[in-house]
């Protein structure tokens, strides 16, 4: 009994020491993955994590000389009403990536948080009339800008628009960091949902680390990278934290280590489609934050 108590005290002191030394905890990575969404009620960041650089989308588009109006190839006999969200995304939402870099100066860490799907309306509001109004007032960008990338991920394809933008941003961030601090940082990627996929692909691509949340799984996507022969895909430094199995976090096979934020033995092995859909309520990053202990930064015991 005494030995167990000793190890509990030792473990607690190690966690406390890590926090004092500025080590970024899993909870803090989740905070950054939430912070990059720019919600009004976002929580304050700990003092050892400082916002460093945001992605400049307009500058990126200018460099690529992207013509937003000439992206889509329509098929004559497609059902227009069924395709409206996807068509809108392909026509007007070229890009849509947003990332933010944070610095942990104590650890010489540069953490890049990749934003996930950013829908500003509910799916059931995508009526024909509202799409028409949105086209007239230019707000369709805010409504469906990430849907084409989600569509690609659903079909096991790399979301090239956002992945290319993410890699561009990481390059800019590295350059800015070296210029400011006169040394190379350790890059760590983080993100939620679509942002998790981007974080994991970036980590595989540049052989760095990723801490992600509610990832759809990115192994089949990573296997499509052009330089895959130089990548040890089975030993990537990726950890993802997932809520109960749902339609998103079970979409594809995962890379690295998956840590469940629920009591796995209590969950039925046969998880019905209905239960998976209900579990989607736990998918938002705000819900996942509740699964962590804010003091030690680790997942709460179920």
Protein backbone atom coordinates (compact mmCIF):
# COMPACT_ATOMS: atom_id res chain seq x y z
CA UNK A 1 0.00 0.00 0.00
CA UNK A 2 2.84 2.36 0.91
CA UNK A 3 4.63 1.63 -2.37
CA UNK A 4 1.48 2.45 -4.36
CA UNK A 5 1.09 5.72 -2.46
CA UNK A 6 4.76 6.52 -3.12
CA UNK A 7 4.35 6.07 -6.88
CA UNK A 8 1.18 8.19 -6.92
CA UNK A 9 3.00 11.02 -5.15
CA UNK A 10 5.99 10.62 -7.46
CA UNK A 11 3.79 10.73 -10.58
CA UNK A 12 2.01 13.85 -9.31
CA UNK A 13 5.29 15.60 -8.58
CA UNK A 14 6.61 14.76 -12.06
CA UNK A 15 3.49 16.25 -13.67
CA UNK A 16 3.76 19.33 -11.48
CA UNK A 17 7.42 19.68 -12.37
CA UNK A 18 6.61 19.40 -16.08
CA UNK A 19 4.10 22.21 -15.83
CA UNK A 20 6.54 24.44 -13.95
CA UNK A 21 9.19 23.72 -16.57
CA UNK A 22 6.83 24.78 -19.33
CA UNK A 23 6.14 21.38 -20.89
CA UNK A 24 2.97 21.57 -22.99
CA UNK A 25 0.40 19.08 -21.70
CA UNK A 26 -2.22 17.22 -23.79
CA UNK A 27 -4.89 19.53 -22.33
CA UNK A 28 -2.91 22.56 -23.52
CA UNK A 29 -2.61 21.12 -27.02
CA UNK A 30 -6.40 20.75 -26.95
CA UNK A 31 -6.65 24.38 -25.83
CA UNK A 32 -4.57 25.45 -28.82
CA UNK A 33 -6.71 23.31 -31.15
CA UNK A 34 -9.75 25.14 -29.75
CA UNK A 35 -8.07 28.57 -29.69
CA UNK A 36 -7.36 28.47 -33.43
CA UNK A 37 -11.13 28.41 -34.13
CA UNK A 38 -11.33 31.95 -32.69
CA UNK A 39 -14.57 31.32 -30.82
CA UNK A 40 -15.77 34.16 -28.62
CA UNK A 41 -15.76 32.04 -25.47
CA UNK A 42 -12.28 30.57 -25.94
CA UNK A 43 -10.23 30.05 -22.80
CA UNK A 44 -7.12 31.99 -21.91
CA UNK A 45 -3.84 30.31 -22.76
CA UNK A 46 -1.20 29.49 -20.13
CA UNK A 47 1.62 32.02 -19.76
CA UNK A 48 4.29 29.74 -21.30
CA UNK A 49 2.39 29.52 -24.61
CA UNK A 50 2.49 32.63 -26.77
CA UNK A 51 0.72 33.37 -30.02
CA UNK A 52 3.37 33.80 -32.72
CA UNK A 53 2.07 33.97 -36.30
CA UNK A 54 -1.22 33.62 -38.23
CA UNK A 55 -1.65 32.32 -41.74
CA UNK A 56 -2.08 35.11 -44.30
CA UNK A 57 -4.50 33.59 -46.76
CA UNK A 58 -4.68 36.57 -49.12
CA UNK A 59 -0.90 36.65 -49.45
CA UNK A 60 -0.83 32.89 -50.08
CA UNK A 61 -3.48 33.13 -52.80
CA UNK A 62 -1.62 35.98 -54.46
CA UNK A 63 1.55 33.89 -54.61
CA UNK A 64 -0.30 30.98 -56.19
CA UNK A 65 -2.25 33.24 -58.57
CA UNK A 66 -5.41 31.25 -57.86
CA UNK A 67 -8.50 32.13 -59.89
CA UNK A 68 -11.37 31.46 -57.51
CA UNK A 69 -13.98 31.40 -60.27
CA UNK A 70 -12.44 28.67 -62.44
CA UNK A 71 -12.11 25.60 -60.27
CA UNK A 72 -15.02 23.29 -60.88
CA UNK A 73 -15.79 20.92 -63.74
CA UNK A 74 -19.52 20.28 -63.85
CA UNK A 75 -21.05 17.01 -65.07
CA UNK A 76 -24.09 17.60 -67.27
CA UNK A 77 -26.43 15.09 -65.70
CA UNK A 78 -25.54 15.69 -62.03
CA UNK A 79 -28.36 16.45 -59.60
CA UNK A 80 -27.82 20.19 -59.03
CA UNK A 81 -29.73 20.40 -55.75
CA UNK A 82 -27.74 17.52 -54.25
CA UNK A 83 -24.47 19.07 -55.34
CA UNK A 84 -25.10 22.64 -54.20
CA UNK A 85 -22.93 22.60 -51.06
CA UNK A 86 -20.07 20.80 -52.83
CA UNK A 87 -20.32 22.93 -55.97
CA UNK A 88 -20.34 26.09 -53.89
CA UNK A 89 -17.24 24.95 -52.07
CA UNK A 90 -15.37 24.01 -55.24
CA UNK A 91 -16.32 27.25 -56.96
CA UNK A 92 -15.74 29.80 -54.23
CA UNK A 93 -13.89 28.13 -51.38
CA UNK A 94 -10.56 27.44 -53.03
CA UNK A 95 -8.29 27.34 -50.01
CA UNK A 96 -10.06 27.98 -46.73
CA UNK A 97 -7.05 26.94 -44.66
CA UNK A 98 -6.27 28.72 -41.43
CA UNK A 99 -3.43 27.99 -39.05
CA UNK A 100 -1.81 29.71 -36.12
CA UNK A 101 1.63 29.17 -34.64
CA UNK A 102 2.38 29.35 -30.93
CA UNK A 103 5.75 29.51 -29.21
CA UNK A 104 6.80 27.72 -26.04
CA UNK A 105 10.07 29.59 -25.49
CA UNK A 106 11.09 27.54 -22.47
CA UNK A 107 11.08 24.35 -24.54
CA UNK A 108 12.09 25.90 -27.89
CA UNK A 109 8.86 24.47 -29.30
CA UNK A 110 6.97 25.95 -32.22
CA UNK A 111 3.43 24.58 -32.15
CA UNK A 112 1.35 24.90 -35.31
CA UNK A 113 -2.39 24.57 -34.71
CA UNK A 114 -4.39 23.75 -37.84
CA UNK A 115 -8.03 24.81 -37.79
CA UNK A 116 -10.70 22.18 -38.43
CA UNK A 117 -13.92 22.49 -40.41
CA UNK A 118 -15.32 25.97 -39.96
CA UNK A 119 -19.02 25.98 -40.76
CA UNK A 120 -20.77 29.13 -39.62
CA UNK A 121 -24.29 27.82 -40.18
CA UNK A 122 -26.12 24.62 -39.37
CA UNK A 123 -26.30 21.98 -42.08
CA UNK A 124 -30.10 22.07 -42.13
CA UNK A 125 -29.95 25.76 -43.16
CA UNK A 126 -28.45 24.95 -46.56
CA UNK A 127 -31.67 25.52 -48.47
CA UNK A 128 -31.74 26.68 -52.11
CA UNK A 129 -33.09 30.09 -51.11
CA UNK A 130 -30.38 30.63 -48.52
CA UNK A 131 -27.67 29.52 -50.94
CA UNK A 132 -29.02 32.03 -53.45
CA UNK A 133 -29.03 34.82 -50.87
CA UNK A 134 -25.54 33.87 -49.78
CA UNK A 135 -24.32 34.03 -53.38
CA UNK A 136 -25.79 37.50 -53.74
CA UNK A 137 -24.21 38.93 -50.60
CA UNK A 138 -20.89 37.08 -50.84
CA UNK A 139 -21.27 35.12 -47.61
CA UNK A 140 -21.16 31.66 -49.12
CA UNK A 141 -17.41 31.56 -48.39
CA UNK A 142 -18.12 31.61 -44.65
CA UNK A 143 -20.82 28.98 -45.00
CA UNK A 144 -19.16 26.11 -46.83
CA UNK A 145 -15.49 26.88 -47.35
CA UNK A 146 -14.18 23.58 -45.93
CA UNK A 147 -16.71 21.16 -47.38
CA UNK A 148 -14.67 20.20 -50.44
CA UNK A 149 -11.74 19.18 -48.23
CA UNK A 150 -14.02 17.19 -45.93
CA UNK A 151 -15.44 15.52 -49.03
CA UNK A 152 -11.92 14.53 -50.12
CA UNK A 153 -11.06 13.11 -46.68
CA UNK A 154 -14.32 11.15 -46.61
CA UNK A 155 -13.29 9.50 -49.88
CA UNK A 156 -9.77 8.75 -48.64
CA UNK A 157 -8.03 11.54 -50.55
CA UNK A 158 -5.53 14.11 -49.31
CA UNK A 159 -7.24 17.53 -48.95
CA UNK A 160 -4.67 19.07 -51.26
CA UNK A 161 -5.89 22.68 -51.10
CA UNK A 162 -5.48 22.95 -47.37
CA UNK A 163 -2.52 20.59 -47.07
CA UNK A 164 -0.47 22.65 -49.53
CA UNK A 165 -1.42 25.85 -47.70
CA UNK A 166 -0.52 24.25 -44.34
CA UNK A 167 2.93 23.24 -45.62
CA UNK A 168 3.46 26.75 -46.96
CA UNK A 169 2.52 28.22 -43.59
CA UNK A 170 4.83 25.85 -41.68
CA UNK A 171 7.71 26.96 -43.91
CA UNK A 172 6.94 30.62 -43.21
CA UNK A 173 6.68 29.97 -39.49
CA UNK A 174 10.05 28.20 -39.34
CA UNK A 175 11.69 31.03 -41.24
CA UNK A 176 10.15 33.69 -38.96
CA UNK A 177 11.15 31.79 -35.82
CA UNK A 178 14.78 31.39 -36.88
CA UNK A 179 14.93 35.05 -37.86
CA UNK A 180 13.57 36.16 -34.48
CA UNK A 181 15.24 33.69 -32.09
CA UNK A 182 18.38 32.81 -34.10
CA UNK A 183 17.89 29.06 -33.66
CA UNK A 184 15.85 26.24 -35.16
CA UNK A 185 12.76 25.14 -33.20
CA UNK A 186 11.18 21.75 -32.64
CA UNK A 187 7.99 21.75 -34.69
CA UNK A 188 4.88 20.16 -33.16
CA UNK A 189 1.56 20.05 -34.98
CA UNK A 190 -1.89 19.99 -33.41
CA UNK A 191 -5.47 20.21 -34.59
CA UNK A 192 -9.01 18.93 -34.31
CA UNK A 193 -11.01 16.95 -36.92
CA UNK A 194 -9.99 18.27 -40.38
CA UNK A 195 -7.22 20.13 -38.51
CA UNK A 196 -6.09 16.81 -37.04
CA UNK A 197 -5.67 15.32 -40.51
CA UNK A 198 -3.63 18.33 -41.63
CA UNK A 199 -1.50 18.14 -38.47
CA UNK A 200 -0.82 14.43 -38.97
CA UNK A 201 0.02 14.76 -42.67
CA UNK A 202 2.37 17.66 -41.93
CA UNK A 203 4.05 15.65 -39.16
CA UNK A 204 4.56 12.70 -41.50
CA UNK A 205 5.79 14.95 -44.29
CA UNK A 206 8.46 16.74 -42.22
CA UNK A 207 9.17 13.92 -39.77
CA UNK A 208 7.94 15.90 -36.77
CA UNK A 209 5.43 15.35 -33.96
CA UNK A 210 1.64 15.73 -33.82
CA UNK A 211 -0.86 15.76 -30.95
CA UNK A 212 -4.39 15.67 -32.38
CA UNK A 213 -8.03 15.42 -31.35
CA UNK A 214 -10.99 13.59 -32.91
CA UNK A 215 -9.01 12.66 -35.99
CA UNK A 216 -10.86 10.88 -38.81
CA UNK A 217 -7.68 8.81 -39.28
CA UNK A 218 -5.03 9.68 -41.85
CA UNK A 219 -3.07 6.50 -42.59
CA UNK A 220 -4.54 5.87 -46.08
CA UNK A 221 -3.96 9.54 -46.88
CA UNK A 222 -0.37 9.51 -45.64
CA UNK A 223 0.34 6.50 -47.83
CA UNK A 224 -0.42 8.71 -50.84
CA UNK A 225 2.39 11.18 -50.11
CA UNK A 226 4.82 11.28 -53.02
CA UNK A 227 7.91 10.64 -50.89
CA UNK A 228 6.35 7.83 -48.85
CA UNK A 229 9.31 5.51 -49.58
CA UNK A 230 11.44 7.71 -47.31
CA UNK A 231 8.93 7.70 -44.44
CA UNK A 232 8.73 5.14 -41.64
CA UNK A 233 4.94 5.19 -41.58
CA UNK A 234 4.66 2.64 -38.77
CA UNK A 235 6.79 4.65 -36.33
CA UNK A 236 5.48 8.18 -36.69
CA UNK A 237 5.33 10.37 -33.58
CA UNK A 238 1.58 10.97 -33.61
CA UNK A 239 -0.88 10.75 -30.72
CA UNK A 240 -4.58 11.37 -31.16
CA UNK A 241 -7.20 11.68 -28.42
CA UNK A 242 -10.70 10.52 -29.41
CA UNK A 243 -14.12 10.55 -27.82
CA UNK A 244 -16.50 7.59 -28.12
CA UNK A 245 -16.51 6.00 -31.61
CA UNK A 246 -18.49 8.11 -34.05
CA UNK A 247 -18.88 8.60 -37.79
CA UNK A 248 -15.85 10.88 -37.92
CA UNK A 249 -13.20 9.36 -35.64
CA UNK A 250 -13.72 5.88 -37.13
CA UNK A 251 -13.62 6.96 -40.77
CA UNK A 252 -10.11 5.69 -41.61
CA UNK A 253 -7.23 3.80 -40.01
CA UNK A 254 -5.21 5.89 -37.59
CA UNK A 255 -1.52 6.67 -37.51
CA UNK A 256 0.55 6.39 -34.33
CA UNK A 257 -1.12 6.04 -30.94
CA UNK A 258 -4.84 6.53 -30.21
CA UNK A 259 -5.84 7.38 -26.64
CA UNK A 260 -9.57 6.96 -25.88
CA UNK A 261 -11.14 9.65 -23.72
CA UNK A 262 -13.74 7.22 -22.40
CA UNK A 263 -13.94 3.96 -20.49
CA UNK A 264 -13.16 1.53 -23.30
CA UNK A 265 -14.10 -1.72 -21.49
CA UNK A 266 -17.57 -0.34 -20.69
CA UNK A 267 -18.27 0.48 -24.30
CA UNK A 268 -19.99 -2.27 -26.26
CA UNK A 269 -17.76 -3.89 -28.85
CA UNK A 270 -20.62 -3.71 -31.33
CA UNK A 271 -21.25 0.01 -31.70
CA UNK A 272 -24.35 0.62 -33.82
CA UNK A 273 -24.63 3.36 -36.44
CA UNK A 274 -27.24 5.09 -34.28
CA UNK A 275 -24.86 5.18 -31.33
CA UNK A 276 -22.10 6.52 -33.54
CA UNK A 277 -24.34 9.33 -34.74
CA UNK A 278 -25.31 10.18 -31.17
CA UNK A 279 -21.62 10.19 -30.25
CA UNK A 280 -21.08 13.00 -32.76
CA UNK A 281 -22.37 15.33 -30.04
CA UNK A 282 -19.03 14.69 -28.31
CA UNK A 283 -16.98 15.49 -31.42
CA UNK A 284 -16.53 19.28 -30.95
CA UNK A 285 -13.23 20.32 -29.38
CA UNK A 286 -15.11 22.13 -26.59
CA UNK A 287 -16.56 18.78 -25.52
CA UNK A 288 -13.14 17.12 -25.56
CA UNK A 289 -11.67 19.81 -23.30
CA UNK A 290 -14.04 18.60 -20.58
CA UNK A 291 -12.34 15.18 -20.69
CA UNK A 292 -9.03 16.59 -19.39
CA UNK A 293 -7.91 17.55 -15.92
CA UNK A 294 -6.93 21.23 -16.18
CA UNK A 295 -4.44 20.97 -13.30
CA UNK A 296 -2.25 18.10 -14.50
CA UNK A 297 -3.18 18.38 -18.15
CA UNK A 298 -3.88 14.66 -18.58
CA UNK A 299 -7.14 12.86 -19.49
CA UNK A 300 -9.51 12.38 -16.59
CA UNK A 301 -10.11 8.82 -15.44
CA UNK A 302 -13.45 7.67 -16.93
